[in-house]
Every structure is written in structure tokens, then in C-alpha cells.
Amino acid sequence: MKKLTQSFLLLFAVLTTTITFTQCKDAKDAAITKFLELQAKAVNSQCPMDMGNGIRVDSCKVEGNKILKSYYTFTVDTGELTREDFEAQTRPNLVQMIKTNNDLKQGREFEVTFAYVYYGKDGNVLGDMVITADDYNK
């Protein structure tokens, strides 16, 4: 009987710890999402925003759990640049920018996923890239 009671208490302790940890993680993720929503609102209040070099920030939004998605448009003709070539050239620069930009430090600490959608001057998608914590923590 004593072993049964000890086993029950051990099981109860493990379940309680698991439930508490899960609830804390959910609360932390909700706080991070709220933080991202405030950041997106601040950016959107300034949009559209000319970034120079023929690029404009159109908007950003929080999408899903800890995902910040930004939308850009090229205001100049990108010529015959293919989506594959654009993404191959742009992705490494985005990863490096996320790794080194002090404005994104909090995002790195929260392991935010950054998503970027670029449109050409013609309105067609030129690039659609997702940068995860695994990408920028390498």
C-alpha cells in the first residue's frame, strides 16, 4: 500500500509540473505575441514607408504563434529577376540582418519567426521567405 501511495504521489507531482510548465509556456507565448502585435501596430502607423533603393514597407502583422510577417513592394522595375534568384540573393542578407540588428535583439531572444513577402512593381510576389530561430542562431 505504501508503494502505491508513493507511486501515486510521484505521478501527481510529475503531472502537476507538466501542467504548470505548459501553462507558463502558453502564457509566455501569449505575452510575446502581444509584444509583437504592439510592434506591428507601431510600424503600420508609419506605413507606407519608403526605405530607399526602390523599396517600400507596406505593412506588417502577427501571424500565428510568434510570427512577425512584413510586406514590401519594389517601386522600381526589377527586370527579369526570378523569384528563385531573388530569394537566393536576399535570404542570406535577411538572416545576417536579423543576427546583427540591435532593433531585433528582443525578437531574437523571444525566438520570433520573421516572414517577409516582397512584391514587384507589377504587384506579383517576387519573394516569400521565412526566417526561423534555427536560421539566425546558426
Foldseek 3Di string as FASTA:
>chain_A
DVVVVVVVVVVVVVVVVVVVVVVVVVVLQVVLQVVLQVVQVVVCVCPQADPPPQKTWHGWHDDPTQEIETEMEGLDAPPPQALVNCCVVVVVVVLVCCLPPPVNPVSLVSFGKYWYWYAYNVRHTSYIDIATNVSNVD
